[in-house]
Amino acid sequence: MTTDVLMQVTLTVEIPHLGTRLKQARDASGKTPAQIAVLADMSVANLYRIESEDTKSVPGETLKRLDEALGTDFYSEVKAALLSEIRDASGG
């Protein structure tokens, strides 16, 4: 009997000033860091690390939850950057 083994592949794209832009969106929303953290199911400390760009990696699922909490769509930039990389890699 063969067991299927799943392997996760992680792709990386750079989104300039994402942390700063997330903070600007939070400020514009009028919500506190604690409110956004609860809505995005994350710690306030982690939110601050992302906003201050102290962390250099944000999982896609985290960004999707932040988008939902803030009413933004930064994840669309990730998708566009990934599609661009795929096109570049395939020569088209």
N, C-alpha and C. Protein backbone atom coordinates (compact mmCIF):
# COMPACT_ATOMS: atom_id res chain seq x y z
N MET A 1 0.85 -1.18 0.00
CA MET A 1 0.00 0.00 0.00
C MET A 1 0.90 1.25 0.00
N THR A 2 0.59 2.18 -0.87
CA THR A 2 1.37 3.41 -0.98
C THR A 2 0.68 4.51 -0.19
N THR A 3 1.47 5.22 0.58
CA THR A 3 0.96 6.36 1.34
C THR A 3 1.38 7.63 0.64
N ASP A 4 0.42 8.50 0.36
CA ASP A 4 0.75 9.78 -0.26
C ASP A 4 1.45 10.67 0.75
N VAL A 5 2.56 11.23 0.33
CA VAL A 5 3.31 12.15 1.18
C VAL A 5 3.17 13.54 0.57
N LEU A 6 2.69 14.46 1.37
CA LEU A 6 2.52 15.83 0.89
C LEU A 6 3.70 16.67 1.35
N MET A 7 4.20 17.48 0.47
CA MET A 7 5.30 18.37 0.81
C MET A 7 4.88 19.80 0.51
N GLN A 8 5.14 20.67 1.45
CA GLN A 8 4.80 22.08 1.27
C GLN A 8 5.97 22.78 0.61
N VAL A 9 5.68 23.57 -0.40
CA VAL A 9 6.69 24.37 -1.07
C VAL A 9 6.41 25.83 -0.75
N THR A 10 7.41 26.53 -0.27
CA THR A 10 7.25 27.92 0.11
C THR A 10 7.90 28.81 -0.94
N LEU A 11 7.15 29.76 -1.44
CA LEU A 11 7.65 30.74 -2.39
C LEU A 11 7.75 32.09 -1.69
N THR A 12 8.74 32.85 -2.05
CA THR A 12 8.96 34.13 -1.40
C THR A 12 8.87 35.26 -2.41
N VAL A 13 8.12 36.29 -2.05
CA VAL A 13 8.07 37.51 -2.85
C VAL A 13 8.27 38.69 -1.91
N GLU A 14 8.80 39.75 -2.45
CA GLU A 14 9.01 40.96 -1.65
C GLU A 14 7.91 41.96 -1.98
N ILE A 15 7.29 42.47 -0.92
CA ILE A 15 6.27 43.50 -1.06
C ILE A 15 6.80 44.73 -0.32
N PRO A 16 7.25 45.75 -1.06
CA PRO A 16 7.89 46.92 -0.43
C PRO A 16 7.00 47.60 0.60
N HIS A 17 7.59 47.88 1.74
CA HIS A 17 6.96 48.67 2.81
C HIS A 17 5.64 48.09 3.29
N LEU A 18 5.50 46.78 3.24
CA LEU A 18 4.24 46.16 3.63
C LEU A 18 3.88 46.48 5.08
N GLY A 19 4.84 46.40 5.98
CA GLY A 19 4.56 46.68 7.39
C GLY A 19 4.05 48.09 7.60
N THR A 20 4.72 49.04 6.97
CA THR A 20 4.32 50.45 7.08
C THR A 20 2.92 50.65 6.53
N ARG A 21 2.64 50.02 5.42
CA ARG A 21 1.32 50.16 4.80
C ARG A 21 0.24 49.50 5.64
N LEU A 22 0.55 48.37 6.27
CA LEU A 22 -0.41 47.74 7.17
C LEU A 22 -0.71 48.66 8.35
N LYS A 23 0.33 49.30 8.90
CA LYS A 23 0.12 50.22 10.02
C LYS A 23 -0.74 51.40 9.59
N GLN A 24 -0.48 51.93 8.41
CA GLN A 24 -1.29 53.04 7.91
C GLN A 24 -2.75 52.62 7.76
N ALA A 25 -2.97 51.42 7.28
CA ALA A 25 -4.35 50.92 7.14
C ALA A 25 -5.00 50.74 8.50
N ARG A 26 -4.23 50.25 9.48
CA ARG A 26 -4.79 50.10 10.83
C ARG A 26 -5.13 51.46 11.40
N ASP A 27 -4.23 52.43 11.27
CA ASP A 27 -4.50 53.78 11.77
C ASP A 27 -5.75 54.36 11.11
N ALA A 28 -5.88 54.17 9.80
CA ALA A 28 -7.03 54.69 9.07
C ALA A 28 -8.33 54.00 9.49
N SER A 29 -8.22 52.75 9.92
CA SER A 29 -9.42 52.00 10.32
C SER A 29 -10.00 52.49 11.65
N GLY A 30 -9.15 53.16 12.45
CA GLY A 30 -9.58 53.61 13.77
C GLY A 30 -9.58 52.51 14.81
N LYS A 31 -9.13 51.32 14.43
CA LYS A 31 -9.09 50.20 15.37
C LYS A 31 -7.75 50.18 16.10
N THR A 32 -7.79 49.70 17.32
CA THR A 32 -6.56 49.60 18.12
C THR A 32 -5.76 48.38 17.68
N PRO A 33 -4.47 48.35 18.01
CA PRO A 33 -3.68 47.15 17.71
C PRO A 33 -4.29 45.90 18.35
N ALA A 34 -4.81 46.03 19.55
CA ALA A 34 -5.42 44.88 20.23
C ALA A 34 -6.64 44.38 19.46
N GLN A 35 -7.45 45.29 18.94
CA GLN A 35 -8.64 44.89 18.18
C GLN A 35 -8.23 44.15 16.90
N ILE A 36 -7.26 44.68 16.20
CA ILE A 36 -6.80 44.03 14.96
C ILE A 36 -6.19 42.67 15.27
N ALA A 37 -5.40 42.61 16.34
CA ALA A 37 -4.77 41.34 16.71
C ALA A 37 -5.81 40.27 17.00
N VAL A 38 -6.87 40.63 17.70
CA VAL A 38 -7.94 39.67 18.00
C VAL A 38 -8.61 39.23 16.70
N LEU A 39 -8.94 40.19 15.84
CA LEU A 39 -9.62 39.87 14.59
C LEU A 39 -8.74 39.00 13.67
N ALA A 40 -7.43 39.20 13.73
CA ALA A 40 -6.50 38.47 12.87
C ALA A 40 -5.93 37.23 13.55
N ASP A 41 -6.41 36.95 14.77
CA ASP A 41 -5.97 35.76 15.52
C ASP A 41 -4.45 35.72 15.67
N MET A 42 -3.91 36.81 16.20
CA MET A 42 -2.47 36.91 16.41
C MET A 42 -2.21 37.74 17.66
N SER A 43 -0.98 37.73 18.12
CA SER A 43 -0.64 38.54 19.29
C SER A 43 -0.39 39.98 18.86
N VAL A 44 -0.58 40.89 19.79
CA VAL A 44 -0.28 42.29 19.53
C VAL A 44 1.21 42.44 19.23
N ALA A 45 2.04 41.70 19.96
CA ALA A 45 3.49 41.78 19.74
C ALA A 45 3.84 41.38 18.30
N ASN A 46 3.20 40.35 17.79
CA ASN A 46 3.46 39.93 16.42
C ASN A 46 3.00 41.00 15.42
N LEU A 47 1.85 41.60 15.69
CA LEU A 47 1.36 42.69 14.84
C LEU A 47 2.38 43.82 14.81
N TYR A 48 2.89 44.20 15.97
CA TYR A 48 3.89 45.28 16.03
C TYR A 48 5.16 44.90 15.26
N ARG A 49 5.59 43.63 15.37
CA ARG A 49 6.79 43.20 14.63
C ARG A 49 6.57 43.32 13.12
N ILE A 50 5.37 42.98 12.68
CA ILE A 50 5.07 43.09 11.25
C ILE A 50 5.01 44.56 10.83
N GLU A 51 4.29 45.38 11.60
CA GLU A 51 4.15 46.80 11.25
C GLU A 51 5.49 47.52 11.24
N SER A 52 6.38 47.18 12.17
CA SER A 52 7.67 47.86 12.25
C SER A 52 8.70 47.21 11.33
N GLU A 53 8.29 46.16 10.64
CA GLU A 53 9.14 45.41 9.72
C GLU A 53 10.35 44.81 10.43
N ASP A 54 10.18 44.48 11.72
CA ASP A 54 11.21 43.77 12.47
C ASP A 54 11.27 42.31 12.04
N THR A 55 10.16 41.81 11.52
CA THR A 55 10.14 40.46 10.96
C THR A 55 10.21 40.59 9.46
N LYS A 56 10.91 39.71 8.83
CA LYS A 56 11.08 39.80 7.37
C LYS A 56 10.24 38.78 6.63
N SER A 57 9.40 38.05 7.35
CA SER A 57 8.58 37.03 6.72
C SER A 57 7.18 37.04 7.33
N VAL A 58 6.18 37.10 6.48
CA VAL A 58 4.79 37.06 6.93
C VAL A 58 4.10 35.92 6.18
N PRO A 59 3.64 34.90 6.89
CA PRO A 59 2.93 33.82 6.20
C PRO A 59 1.71 34.35 5.46
N GLY A 60 1.42 33.76 4.33
CA GLY A 60 0.28 34.18 3.53
C GLY A 60 -1.02 34.15 4.29
N GLU A 61 -1.22 33.13 5.11
CA GLU A 61 -2.45 33.03 5.89
C GLU A 61 -2.58 34.18 6.88
N THR A 62 -1.46 34.60 7.45
CA THR A 62 -1.47 35.74 8.38
C THR A 62 -1.87 37.00 7.64
N LEU A 63 -1.30 37.19 6.46
CA LEU A 63 -1.63 38.38 5.67
C LEU A 63 -3.10 38.36 5.26
N LYS A 64 -3.63 37.20 4.93
CA LYS A 64 -5.06 37.12 4.59
C LYS A 64 -5.93 37.51 5.78
N ARG A 65 -5.55 37.06 6.98
CA ARG A 65 -6.33 37.42 8.17
C ARG A 65 -6.22 38.92 8.47
N LEU A 66 -5.04 39.49 8.27
CA LEU A 66 -4.88 40.94 8.45
C LEU A 66 -5.73 41.70 7.43
N ASP A 67 -5.72 41.24 6.19
CA ASP A 67 -6.56 41.86 5.16
C ASP A 67 -8.03 41.85 5.59
N GLU A 68 -8.47 40.73 6.10
CA GLU A 68 -9.86 40.61 6.52
C GLU A 68 -10.16 41.56 7.68
N ALA A 69 -9.25 41.63 8.63
CA ALA A 69 -9.44 42.49 9.81
C ALA A 69 -9.42 43.97 9.44
N LEU A 70 -8.60 44.32 8.44
CA LEU A 70 -8.41 45.72 8.07
C LEU A 70 -9.28 46.16 6.89
N GLY A 71 -9.89 45.20 6.20
CA GLY A 71 -10.65 45.54 5.01
C GLY A 71 -9.75 45.93 3.85
N THR A 72 -8.55 45.34 3.81
CA THR A 72 -7.58 45.63 2.76
C THR A 72 -7.41 44.41 1.87
N ASP A 73 -6.56 44.53 0.86
CA ASP A 73 -6.29 43.39 -0.03
C ASP A 73 -4.81 43.38 -0.43
N PHE A 74 -3.94 43.42 0.56
CA PHE A 74 -2.51 43.35 0.28
C PHE A 74 -2.13 41.99 -0.31
N TYR A 75 -2.91 40.95 0.02
CA TYR A 75 -2.60 39.62 -0.50
C TYR A 75 -2.67 39.58 -2.02
N SER A 76 -3.47 40.45 -2.63
CA SER A 76 -3.52 40.48 -4.10
C SER A 76 -2.17 40.86 -4.69
N GLU A 77 -1.40 41.68 -3.96
CA GLU A 77 -0.05 42.03 -4.41
C GLU A 77 0.86 40.81 -4.38
N VAL A 78 0.67 39.96 -3.37
CA VAL A 78 1.45 38.72 -3.28
C VAL A 78 1.13 37.84 -4.48
N LYS A 79 -0.15 37.67 -4.78
CA LYS A 79 -0.55 36.84 -5.91
C LYS A 79 0.01 37.39 -7.22
N ALA A 80 -0.04 38.70 -7.40
CA ALA A 80 0.47 39.31 -8.63
C ALA A 80 1.98 39.11 -8.74
N ALA A 81 2.69 39.25 -7.63
CA ALA A 81 4.14 39.06 -7.65
C ALA A 81 4.50 37.61 -7.95
N LEU A 82 3.74 36.68 -7.39
CA LEU A 82 3.99 35.26 -7.67
C LEU A 82 3.73 34.94 -9.13
N LEU A 83 2.64 35.45 -9.68
CA LEU A 83 2.35 35.22 -11.09
C LEU A 83 3.45 35.79 -11.98
N SER A 84 3.96 36.95 -11.62
CA SER A 84 5.04 37.56 -12.38
C SER A 84 6.29 36.69 -12.35
N GLU A 85 6.62 36.16 -11.17
CA GLU A 85 7.79 35.29 -11.05
C GLU A 85 7.61 34.02 -11.87
N ILE A 86 6.42 33.46 -11.86
CA ILE A 86 6.15 32.24 -12.62
C ILE A 86 6.31 32.53 -14.11
N ARG A 87 5.76 33.65 -14.57
CA ARG A 87 5.89 34.02 -15.99
C ARG A 87 7.35 34.22 -16.37
N ASP A 88 8.10 34.92 -15.50
CA ASP A 88 9.51 35.17 -15.77
C ASP A 88 10.30 33.86 -15.83
N ALA A 89 10.00 32.94 -14.92
CA ALA A 89 10.71 31.66 -14.86
C ALA A 89 10.42 30.79 -16.08
N SER A 90 9.22 30.94 -16.64
CA SER A 90 8.85 30.11 -17.80
C SER A 90 9.19 30.79 -19.11
N GLY A 91 9.78 31.98 -19.02
CA GLY A 91 10.19 32.68 -20.23
C GLY A 91 9.07 33.34 -20.98
N GLY A 92 7.97 33.60 -20.29
CA GLY A 92 6.86 34.19 -21.02
C GLY A 92 6.22 35.20 -20.23
